[in-house]
């Protein structure tokens, strides 16, 4: 059904509702009248949603949820005045949602418990939901179980955006990012006093597998106070991800690297005995351009970092710090390396296993200094060249320009660059253009010809030739494999 303001006004002018559900004690609309002052509040909320759904500028504070409002109204055809309570699955109905994630729930329970200890006094429940928005685990005050069930914030609650509109769980799933939805930022008027913060949990394949959420029904809760729970929830979700990754790869070497600037998660790599990357978390896949095909093919760690095979010959039984030098540069990254847990068996102490898979923080100050490269460009010159290449992909870049950026003669630059990067400037530029094209094939719907032009190749055939030479497949085949 089309989403229109007239439908809202019809409701508010006294027209009978066809889907009103007053079977719950007290009736939902009576509760809403008492807790949100009056029906005028509900009317204003519905009209704001209608306006934004029709393309108006979102009111202040609603910018972050405006896209979700539009999806809820236009794509799902939801009514913000619908008073039906969220559905709570029975234990039998919940079982097929819960069983496939039993191992994840087991790994997550310590982090869920710790998070609940922090937020319980403020009246929050903690929900751990699958990728469809069903709460498969929870923590909450049993004395308030009937109240939480009434509002849907309990075990078995169904919180997909398609069913409930904008909310911390469903919108987190739809947008695959941390989402805090406070009171009137929700789509449905029934949820106007609900505050929730959802954080995505990504699996070892980089795909979203769960959402960790904290929710409270409190008309007095300030947005500033609730915002604090968003940071706590995100931190706990990242810890769950790391625990699950380390559990899945506990028999491999695990290398942890600091997060990219602005990212909340660090990079996690699982390395086998031949120094091949056999696992990478979502951040590592994005930052290092790794995918399942490359991992199955046996991508070497030394294709990304300078070879240091002694690193994996150490006899340490516990974590140790190291520095990894980025291949073809003088730059390095601190790393925390965890040896395989060879002693873990099915009968091993669970305490020891939990210790091995616990989340770590990387203490950069304990990492040894970076090895100094002999000869080649200075770190500053190399950085300027890389930055220039990144900023001018779509332009013609010749050797003279890069030499000027580095502040050297053409002859001296070419020789020093190859010594630093291991390849000629021309091959380096081609590699970077292919890497950017690879990103665009996944992240955009541009045609192959448009992508070729955008990254600096003269035509689609030029791109295809270099793409196949470097990655072993054509751009078209690569894009199809990512669908």
Protein backbone atom coordinates (compact mmCIF):
# COMPACT_ATOMS: atom_id res chain seq x y z
CA UNK A 1 0.00 0.00 0.00
CA UNK A 2 1.27 3.51 -0.72
CA UNK A 3 2.56 5.45 2.21
CA UNK A 4 0.64 8.73 2.54
CA UNK A 5 -0.06 11.42 5.08
CA UNK A 6 -3.79 11.10 4.49
CA UNK A 7 -3.67 7.61 5.96
CA UNK A 8 -2.19 8.99 9.18
CA UNK A 9 -4.66 11.82 9.37
CA UNK A 10 -7.52 9.41 8.79
CA UNK A 11 -6.34 7.42 11.81
CA UNK A 12 -6.05 10.47 14.00
CA UNK A 13 -9.43 11.90 13.02
CA UNK A 14 -11.20 8.90 14.50
CA UNK A 15 -11.48 6.43 11.66
CA UNK A 16 -11.58 2.84 12.92
CA UNK A 17 -8.32 0.91 12.78
CA UNK A 18 -8.44 -2.48 11.09
CA UNK A 19 -5.35 -3.95 12.76
CA UNK A 20 -5.62 -2.54 16.28
CA UNK A 21 -4.63 -5.11 18.91
CA UNK A 22 -5.94 -4.23 22.37
CA UNK A 23 -5.78 -7.76 23.72
CA UNK A 24 -2.74 -6.94 25.85
CA UNK A 25 -3.45 -5.77 29.44
CA UNK A 26 -4.04 -2.04 29.60
CA UNK A 27 -4.15 -1.66 25.80
CA UNK A 28 -1.10 -0.37 23.94
CA UNK A 29 -2.57 2.98 22.97
CA UNK A 30 -3.51 3.78 26.58
CA UNK A 31 0.07 3.11 27.62
CA UNK A 32 1.32 5.31 24.81
CA UNK A 33 -1.04 8.13 25.84
CA UNK A 34 0.19 8.03 29.41
CA UNK A 35 3.91 7.71 28.61
CA UNK A 36 4.16 10.14 25.70
CA UNK A 37 1.90 12.89 27.04
CA UNK A 38 -0.88 12.74 24.42
CA UNK A 39 -1.97 11.53 21.02
CA UNK A 40 -0.63 14.80 19.68
CA UNK A 41 2.86 13.41 20.24
CA UNK A 42 1.96 10.31 18.25
CA UNK A 43 0.36 12.38 15.52
CA UNK A 44 3.42 14.60 15.21
CA UNK A 45 5.69 11.56 15.10
CA UNK A 46 3.66 9.97 12.29
CA UNK A 47 3.56 13.18 10.30
CA UNK A 48 7.32 13.64 10.58
CA UNK A 49 7.85 10.12 9.27
CA UNK A 50 5.42 10.74 6.42
CA UNK A 51 7.21 13.94 5.49
CA UNK A 52 10.67 12.33 5.48
CA UNK A 53 9.40 9.29 3.57
CA UNK A 54 8.14 11.65 0.87
CA UNK A 55 11.53 13.30 0.54
CA UNK A 56 11.52 16.17 3.04
CA UNK A 57 14.67 17.12 4.98
CA UNK A 58 14.80 15.11 8.22
CA UNK A 59 14.26 17.05 11.47
CA UNK A 60 17.38 17.71 13.56
CA UNK A 61 18.56 14.54 15.23
CA UNK A 62 16.76 12.27 12.77
CA UNK A 63 19.28 12.36 9.92
CA UNK A 64 20.85 9.04 10.90
CA UNK A 65 17.56 7.14 10.70
CA UNK A 66 15.94 8.89 7.75
CA UNK A 67 16.96 6.19 5.26
CA UNK A 68 15.49 3.55 7.55
CA UNK A 69 12.26 5.54 7.88
CA UNK A 70 12.02 5.63 4.10
CA UNK A 71 12.65 1.89 3.80
CA UNK A 72 10.11 1.13 6.50
CA UNK A 73 7.45 3.20 4.79
CA UNK A 74 8.16 2.73 1.09
CA UNK A 75 9.78 -0.70 0.86
CA UNK A 76 7.96 -2.52 3.66
CA UNK A 77 4.70 -0.54 3.67
CA UNK A 78 4.63 -0.26 7.47
CA UNK A 79 2.28 2.02 9.38
CA UNK A 80 3.85 4.03 12.23
CA UNK A 81 0.47 4.01 14.01
CA UNK A 82 0.22 0.22 14.04
CA UNK A 83 -0.13 -0.77 17.71
CA UNK A 84 0.51 -4.50 17.42
CA UNK A 85 3.03 -5.86 19.90
CA UNK A 86 6.22 -7.45 18.52
CA UNK A 87 5.92 -11.19 18.22
CA UNK A 88 7.67 -13.39 20.79
CA UNK A 89 8.56 -16.86 19.54
CA UNK A 90 7.81 -19.89 21.68
CA UNK A 91 10.72 -22.11 22.77
CA UNK A 92 9.81 -24.62 20.05
CA UNK A 93 9.68 -21.86 17.40
CA UNK A 94 12.97 -20.41 18.64
CA UNK A 95 14.91 -23.67 18.46
CA UNK A 96 15.70 -23.67 14.69
CA UNK A 97 16.96 -20.07 14.95
CA UNK A 98 19.13 -20.78 17.98
CA UNK A 99 20.70 -24.16 17.16
CA UNK A 100 22.81 -23.08 14.13
CA UNK A 101 24.48 -20.43 16.33
CA UNK A 102 25.02 -22.49 19.48
CA UNK A 103 28.83 -22.26 19.20
CA UNK A 104 28.68 -18.50 18.70
CA UNK A 105 26.31 -18.07 21.65
CA UNK A 106 28.65 -20.14 23.80
CA UNK A 107 31.62 -17.96 22.80
CA UNK A 108 29.60 -14.80 23.42
CA UNK A 109 28.19 -15.60 26.85
CA UNK A 110 31.05 -14.10 28.90
CA UNK A 111 30.90 -10.80 27.01
CA UNK A 112 27.09 -10.73 27.26
CA UNK A 113 27.30 -11.32 31.01
CA UNK A 114 29.86 -8.55 31.47
CA UNK A 115 27.81 -6.11 29.43
CA UNK A 116 24.67 -6.90 31.39
CA UNK A 117 26.45 -6.31 34.70
CA UNK A 118 27.13 -2.75 33.54
CA UNK A 119 23.69 -1.88 32.17
CA UNK A 120 21.28 -3.85 34.37
CA UNK A 121 20.96 -1.17 37.06
CA UNK A 122 19.71 1.26 34.42
CA UNK A 123 16.88 -1.12 33.53
CA UNK A 124 18.30 -2.46 30.27
CA UNK A 125 17.91 -5.88 28.76
CA UNK A 126 20.64 -7.38 26.59
CA UNK A 127 19.54 -9.19 23.44
CA UNK A 128 21.73 -11.34 21.22
CA UNK A 129 20.01 -11.75 17.87
CA UNK A 130 20.63 -13.73 14.72
CA UNK A 131 20.96 -12.09 11.31
CA UNK A 132 17.19 -12.10 10.85
CA UNK A 133 16.60 -10.10 14.04
CA UNK A 134 15.36 -12.92 16.31
CA UNK A 135 16.60 -12.72 19.92
CA UNK A 136 18.29 -16.11 20.47
CA UNK A 137 19.88 -15.23 23.83
CA UNK A 138 19.18 -12.54 26.39
CA UNK A 139 19.92 -11.14 29.81
CA UNK A 140 17.28 -9.33 31.82
CA UNK A 141 15.56 -9.01 35.18
CA UNK A 142 13.23 -12.02 35.49
CA UNK A 143 11.01 -10.01 37.82
CA UNK A 144 10.20 -7.73 34.88
CA UNK A 145 9.87 -10.53 32.33
CA UNK A 146 6.19 -9.86 31.58
CA UNK A 147 6.92 -6.17 31.01
CA UNK A 148 9.84 -6.88 28.66
CA UNK A 149 7.81 -9.50 26.82
CA UNK A 150 5.01 -6.98 26.39
CA UNK A 151 7.43 -4.59 24.69
CA UNK A 152 9.14 -7.37 22.73
CA UNK A 153 12.58 -6.91 24.33
CA UNK A 154 12.92 -10.50 25.50
CA UNK A 155 14.08 -13.92 24.38
CA UNK A 156 12.34 -14.84 21.13
CA UNK A 157 11.52 -11.24 20.18
CA UNK A 158 11.47 -10.57 16.43
CA UNK A 159 13.06 -7.25 15.52
CA UNK A 160 13.71 -7.22 11.80
CA UNK A 161 13.31 -3.81 10.17
CA UNK A 162 10.87 -5.38 7.71
CA UNK A 163 8.48 -6.18 10.59
CA UNK A 164 9.13 -3.49 13.21
CA UNK A 165 10.52 -0.62 11.15
CA UNK A 166 13.44 1.47 12.37
CA UNK A 167 14.99 -0.03 15.51
CA UNK A 168 18.46 -0.74 16.87
CA UNK A 169 18.50 -4.40 15.86
CA UNK A 170 16.73 -4.39 12.49
CA UNK A 171 18.41 -1.24 11.21
CA UNK A 172 21.80 -2.53 12.33
CA UNK A 173 21.15 -5.64 10.23
CA UNK A 174 19.93 -3.64 7.23
CA UNK A 175 22.90 -1.24 7.24
CA UNK A 176 25.56 -3.53 8.78
CA UNK A 177 26.80 -0.82 11.12
CA UNK A 178 26.39 0.11 14.80
CA UNK A 179 23.02 1.81 15.27
CA UNK A 180 21.59 3.69 18.24
CA UNK A 181 17.88 4.49 18.03
CA UNK A 182 16.53 6.66 20.82
CA UNK A 183 12.81 7.00 21.50
CA UNK A 184 11.11 9.01 18.70
CA UNK A 185 13.82 7.96 16.23
CA UNK A 186 11.92 4.66 16.02
CA UNK A 187 9.50 4.22 13.15
CA UNK A 188 6.53 2.82 15.04
CA UNK A 189 4.81 5.08 17.56
CA UNK A 190 4.43 2.07 19.83
CA UNK A 191 8.20 2.14 20.36
CA UNK A 192 8.40 5.87 21.04
CA UNK A 193 9.74 5.31 24.57
CA UNK A 194 12.16 2.54 23.60
CA UNK A 195 15.89 3.22 23.48
CA UNK A 196 18.15 0.62 21.89
CA UNK A 197 21.71 0.28 20.65
CA UNK A 198 22.68 -2.50 18.28
CA UNK A 199 26.18 -3.51 17.14
CA UNK A 200 26.86 -5.99 14.33
CA UNK A 201 28.84 -9.18 14.90
CA UNK A 202 30.67 -10.45 11.82
CA UNK A 203 31.76 -14.04 11.35
CA UNK A 204 35.12 -15.41 10.24
CA UNK A 205 33.96 -15.09 6.62
CA UNK A 206 33.32 -11.37 7.04
CA UNK A 207 29.54 -11.77 6.84
CA UNK A 208 27.10 -10.50 9.46
CA UNK A 209 25.98 -13.35 11.70
CA UNK A 210 24.49 -11.65 14.76
CA UNK A 211 23.60 -8.39 16.49
CA UNK A 212 24.27 -7.49 20.11
CA UNK A 213 21.70 -5.05 21.49
CA UNK A 214 20.85 -3.28 24.73
CA UNK A 215 17.31 -1.93 25.11
CA UNK A 216 15.36 -0.01 27.74
CA UNK A 217 11.83 1.33 28.04
CA UNK A 218 12.23 4.63 29.88
CA UNK A 219 10.49 7.88 28.81
CA UNK A 220 12.90 9.82 31.03
CA UNK A 221 16.10 8.40 29.53
CA UNK A 222 18.16 11.15 27.92
CA UNK A 223 19.78 10.69 24.54
CA UNK A 224 23.16 11.57 26.01
CA UNK A 225 22.87 8.95 28.74
CA UNK A 226 21.72 6.30 26.28
CA UNK A 227 24.57 7.11 23.87
CA UNK A 228 27.00 5.66 26.40
CA UNK A 229 25.44 2.23 25.98
CA UNK A 230 26.17 2.35 22.25
CA UNK A 231 29.92 2.48 22.87
CA UNK A 232 29.71 -0.32 25.44
CA UNK A 233 27.67 -2.50 23.11
CA UNK A 234 30.06 -1.99 20.21
CA UNK A 235 33.05 -2.86 22.37
CA UNK A 236 31.37 -6.06 23.55
CA UNK A 237 30.38 -7.01 19.99
CA UNK A 238 33.99 -6.64 18.84
CA UNK A 239 35.17 -8.78 21.74
CA UNK A 240 32.65 -11.48 20.72
CA UNK A 241 33.95 -11.36 17.15
CA UNK A 242 37.52 -11.80 18.34
CA UNK A 243 36.67 -14.64 20.69
CA UNK A 244 34.83 -16.46 17.92
CA UNK A 245 37.65 -15.90 15.41
CA UNK A 246 40.28 -17.15 17.84
CA UNK A 247 38.16 -20.17 18.72
CA UNK A 248 37.70 -21.09 15.06
CA UNK A 249 41.44 -20.75 14.37
CA UNK A 250 42.88 -21.81 17.72
CA UNK A 251 45.13 -24.40 16.02
CA UNK A 252 46.71 -21.74 13.77
CA UNK A 253 48.91 -18.75 14.42
CA UNK A 254 46.78 -15.64 14.99
CA UNK A 255 48.25 -12.26 14.14
CA UNK A 256 46.45 -9.19 15.51
CA UNK A 257 47.16 -5.74 14.08
CA UNK A 258 45.92 -2.31 15.20
CA UNK A 259 42.70 -1.08 13.58
CA UNK A 260 42.79 1.27 10.59
CA UNK A 261 42.33 4.88 11.57
CA UNK A 262 38.72 5.52 12.59
CA UNK A 263 37.79 1.84 12.80
CA UNK A 264 36.72 0.21 16.04
CA UNK A 265 38.05 -3.24 15.13
CA UNK A 266 41.57 -4.53 14.74
CA UNK A 267 42.80 -6.80 11.97
CA UNK A 268 42.93 -10.53 12.71
CA UNK A 269 44.78 -13.00 10.49
CA UNK A 270 45.04 -16.76 10.91
CA UNK A 271 48.33 -18.16 9.56
CA UNK A 272 49.08 -21.82 8.92
CA UNK A 273 52.45 -23.60 9.23
CA UNK A 274 53.45 -22.54 5.72
CA UNK A 275 52.82 -18.85 6.49
CA UNK A 276 49.69 -18.80 4.34
CA UNK A 277 46.70 -16.71 5.37
CA UNK A 278 43.87 -19.15 6.05
CA UNK A 279 41.55 -16.76 7.88
CA UNK A 280 40.90 -13.02 8.03
CA UNK A 281 38.25 -11.04 9.85
CA UNK A 282 36.09 -8.45 8.11
CA UNK A 283 38.43 -5.51 8.78
CA UNK A 284 41.46 -7.46 7.52
CA UNK A 285 39.58 -8.53 4.39
CA UNK A 286 38.67 -4.93 3.62
CA UNK A 287 42.03 -3.38 4.52
CA UNK A 288 44.20 -6.01 2.83
CA UNK A 289 41.82 -6.81 -0.06
CA UNK A 290 41.46 -10.47 0.90
CA UNK A 291 38.56 -12.68 -0.13
CA UNK A 292 37.55 -16.33 0.12
CA UNK A 293 39.00 -17.17 -3.26
CA UNK A 294 42.40 -15.77 -2.34
CA UNK A 295 42.36 -17.51 1.03
CA UNK A 296 41.47 -20.83 -0.55
CA UNK A 297 44.28 -20.33 -3.07
CA UNK A 298 46.76 -19.94 -0.23
CA UNK A 299 47.67 -16.24 -0.13
CA UNK A 300 51.07 -15.90 1.52
CA UNK A 301 51.48 -13.53 4.43
CA UNK A 302 54.69 -12.41 2.72
CA UNK A 303 52.76 -11.04 -0.24
CA UNK A 304 51.61 -8.32 2.16
CA UNK A 305 54.54 -8.01 4.57
CA UNK A 306 58.30 -8.40 4.22
CA UNK A 307 59.38 -12.00 4.82
CA UNK A 308 60.34 -12.84 8.40
CA UNK A 309 60.07 -16.63 8.65
CA UNK A 310 61.82 -16.68 12.04
CA UNK A 311 58.64 -15.13 13.42
CA UNK A 312 56.88 -18.48 13.19
CA UNK A 313 59.79 -20.55 14.42
CA UNK A 314 59.66 -19.13 17.90
CA UNK A 315 58.89 -21.53 20.72
CA UNK A 316 56.78 -19.11 22.76
CA UNK A 317 53.70 -20.64 24.36
CA UNK A 318 52.08 -17.25 24.98
CA UNK A 319 51.49 -14.06 23.01
CA UNK A 320 54.50 -12.07 21.86
CA UNK A 321 54.90 -8.69 20.19
CA UNK A 322 56.44 -8.13 16.79
CA UNK A 323 56.61 -5.61 13.99
CA UNK A 324 55.65 -6.42 10.40
CA UNK A 325 57.10 -4.31 7.60
CA UNK A 326 54.68 -3.60 4.77
CA UNK A 327 56.03 -5.12 1.56
CA UNK A 328 57.66 -2.58 -0.72
CA UNK A 329 57.91 0.17 1.87
CA UNK A 330 59.72 1.28 4.99
CA UNK A 331 56.50 1.37 6.98
CA UNK A 332 55.74 -1.18 9.66
CA UNK A 333 52.85 -2.17 11.90
CA UNK A 334 52.96 -3.45 15.46
CA UNK A 335 51.47 -6.92 15.85
CA UNK A 336 50.50 -9.30 18.60
CA UNK A 337 51.18 -12.92 17.64
CA UNK A 338 49.41 -15.83 19.34
CA UNK A 339 50.96 -19.30 18.80
CA UNK A 340 48.67 -22.26 18.02
CA UNK A 341 47.10 -23.93 21.01
CA UNK A 342 48.36 -27.43 20.24
CA UNK A 343 47.39 -28.68 23.66
CA UNK A 344 43.71 -27.94 23.27
CA UNK A 345 41.64 -31.09 22.82
CA UNK A 346 38.02 -31.95 23.33
CA UNK A 347 38.83 -32.97 26.91
CA UNK A 348 41.06 -30.00 27.71
CA UNK A 349 40.22 -27.61 30.51
CA UNK A 350 37.65 -25.09 29.36
CA UNK A 351 39.42 -22.50 31.51
CA UNK A 352 42.62 -22.92 29.48
CA UNK A 353 40.66 -22.77 26.26
CA UNK A 354 38.91 -19.56 27.29
CA UNK A 355 42.26 -18.07 28.22
CA UNK A 356 43.66 -18.89 24.79
CA UNK A 357 40.68 -17.38 22.92
CA UNK A 358 40.16 -14.29 25.08
CA UNK A 359 40.15 -10.90 23.30
CA UNK A 360 43.50 -9.07 23.36
CA UNK A 361 44.50 -5.45 23.17
CA UNK A 362 47.66 -4.57 21.32
CA UNK A 363 50.26 -2.74 23.39
CA UNK A 364 52.12 -0.83 20.73
CA UNK A 365 54.72 0.39 23.20
CA UNK A 366 56.06 -3.14 23.71
CA UNK A 367 56.58 -3.83 19.99
CA UNK A 368 60.23 -3.88 18.89
CA UNK A 369 61.43 -1.11 16.58
CA UNK A 370 60.97 -1.55 12.85
CA UNK A 371 63.89 -2.98 10.91
CA UNK A 372 65.62 -0.34 8.88
CA UNK A 373 65.69 -0.86 5.16
CA UNK A 374 68.98 -0.24 3.44
CA UNK A 375 68.87 2.22 0.56
CA UNK A 376 65.77 3.11 -1.40
CA UNK A 377 63.49 6.10 -0.95
CA UNK A 378 63.15 7.76 2.40
CA UNK A 379 59.87 6.98 4.27
CA UNK A 380 58.69 10.53 3.62
CA UNK A 381 59.35 10.36 -0.12
CA UNK A 382 57.69 6.96 -0.40
CA UNK A 383 54.66 8.26 1.49
CA UNK A 384 54.34 11.30 -0.80
CA UNK A 385 54.50 9.09 -3.90
CA UNK A 386 51.85 6.70 -2.59
CA UNK A 387 49.56 9.56 -1.61
CA UNK A 388 49.97 11.18 -5.00
CA UNK A 389 49.16 7.93 -6.82
CA UNK A 390 46.09 7.38 -4.62
CA UNK A 391 44.79 10.87 -5.38
CA UNK A 392 45.37 10.81 -9.16
CA UNK A 393 44.31 7.33 -10.31
CA UNK A 394 42.17 8.63 -13.14
CA UNK A 395 44.88 10.82 -14.59
CA UNK A 396 47.92 10.17 -16.72
CA UNK A 397 50.88 9.78 -14.34
CA UNK A 398 54.38 9.66 -15.82
CA UNK A 399 57.75 9.02 -14.26
CA UNK A 400 58.77 12.67 -14.32
CA UNK A 401 55.78 13.67 -12.18
CA UNK A 402 56.50 10.99 -9.57
CA UNK A 403 60.19 11.92 -9.48
CA UNK A 404 59.23 15.54 -8.81
CA UNK A 405 56.89 14.43 -6.02
CA UNK A 406 59.78 12.50 -4.46
CA UNK A 407 62.19 15.40 -5.03
CA UNK A 408 64.68 13.37 -7.10
CA UNK A 409 65.95 13.11 -10.65
CA UNK A 410 64.10 10.67 -12.89
CA UNK A 411 67.01 8.21 -13.06
CA UNK A 412 67.71 8.29 -9.32
CA UNK A 413 64.00 8.04 -8.47
CA UNK A 414 63.41 4.98 -10.68
CA UNK A 415 66.35 3.12 -9.16
CA UNK A 416 65.53 4.07 -5.56
CA UNK A 417 61.82 3.36 -5.98
CA UNK A 418 62.41 -0.18 -7.21
CA UNK A 419 64.77 -0.80 -4.32
CA UNK A 420 62.05 0.29 -1.86
CA UNK A 421 58.98 -1.22 -3.53
CA UNK A 422 60.51 -4.22 -5.25
CA UNK A 423 58.83 -3.30 -8.54
CA UNK A 424 59.23 -0.52 -11.12
CA UNK A 425 57.10 2.64 -10.75
CA UNK A 426 55.08 1.62 -13.82
CA UNK A 427 54.24 -1.82 -12.43
CA UNK A 428 53.43 -0.31 -9.03
CA UNK A 429 51.00 2.13 -10.64
CA UNK A 430 49.37 -0.68 -12.64
CA UNK A 431 48.99 -2.82 -9.50
CA UNK A 432 47.33 0.03 -7.64
CA UNK A 433 44.94 0.68 -10.52
CA UNK A 434 43.96 -2.98 -10.61
CA UNK A 435 43.42 -2.96 -6.83
CA UNK A 436 41.16 0.09 -7.08
CA UNK A 437 39.25 -1.48 -9.98
CA UNK A 438 38.75 -4.60 -7.86
CA UNK A 439 37.22 -2.50 -5.08
CA UNK A 440 34.91 -0.70 -7.48
CA UNK A 441 33.72 -3.95 -9.04
CA UNK A 442 32.46 -5.00 -5.61
CA UNK A 443 31.28 -1.68 -4.24
CA UNK A 444 29.67 -0.03 -7.30
CA UNK A 445 27.42 -0.89 -10.22
CA UNK A 446 29.48 1.07 -12.73
CA UNK A 447 30.12 -0.59 -16.08
CA UNK A 448 33.51 -2.13 -16.77
CA UNK A 449 34.30 0.67 -19.22
CA UNK A 450 33.44 3.32 -16.61
CA UNK A 451 35.61 1.63 -14.00
CA UNK A 452 38.50 1.29 -16.45
CA UNK A 453 38.37 5.03 -17.16
CA UNK A 454 37.95 5.96 -13.49
CA UNK A 455 41.15 4.15 -12.44
CA UNK A 456 43.26 5.41 -15.32
CA UNK A 457 43.20 2.63 -17.94
CA UNK A 458 42.66 3.74 -21.52
CA UNK A 459 39.79 1.31 -22.14
CA UNK A 460 37.99 -1.79 -20.87
CA UNK A 461 40.30 -4.17 -22.73
CA UNK A 462 43.36 -2.57 -21.14
CA UNK A 463 41.85 -3.10 -17.69
CA UNK A 464 40.84 -6.69 -18.49
CA UNK A 465 44.32 -7.62 -19.67
CA UNK A 466 46.12 -6.36 -16.58
CA UNK A 467 43.36 -7.60 -14.24
CA UNK A 468 43.67 -11.13 -15.62
CA UNK A 469 47.48 -11.05 -15.49
CA UNK A 470 47.51 -10.06 -11.82
CA UNK A 471 44.46 -11.84 -10.40
CA UNK A 472 43.99 -14.77 -12.74
CA UNK A 473 40.44 -13.87 -13.72
CA UNK A 474 38.62 -11.25 -15.78
CA UNK A 475 36.85 -8.25 -14.23
CA UNK A 476 33.50 -9.63 -15.38
CA UNK A 477 34.13 -13.06 -13.83
CA UNK A 478 35.39 -11.46 -10.62
CA UNK A 479 32.28 -9.27 -10.28
CA UNK A 480 30.02 -12.26 -10.93
CA UNK A 481 31.81 -14.28 -8.22
CA UNK A 482 31.03 -11.57 -5.66
CA UNK A 483 27.28 -11.52 -6.35
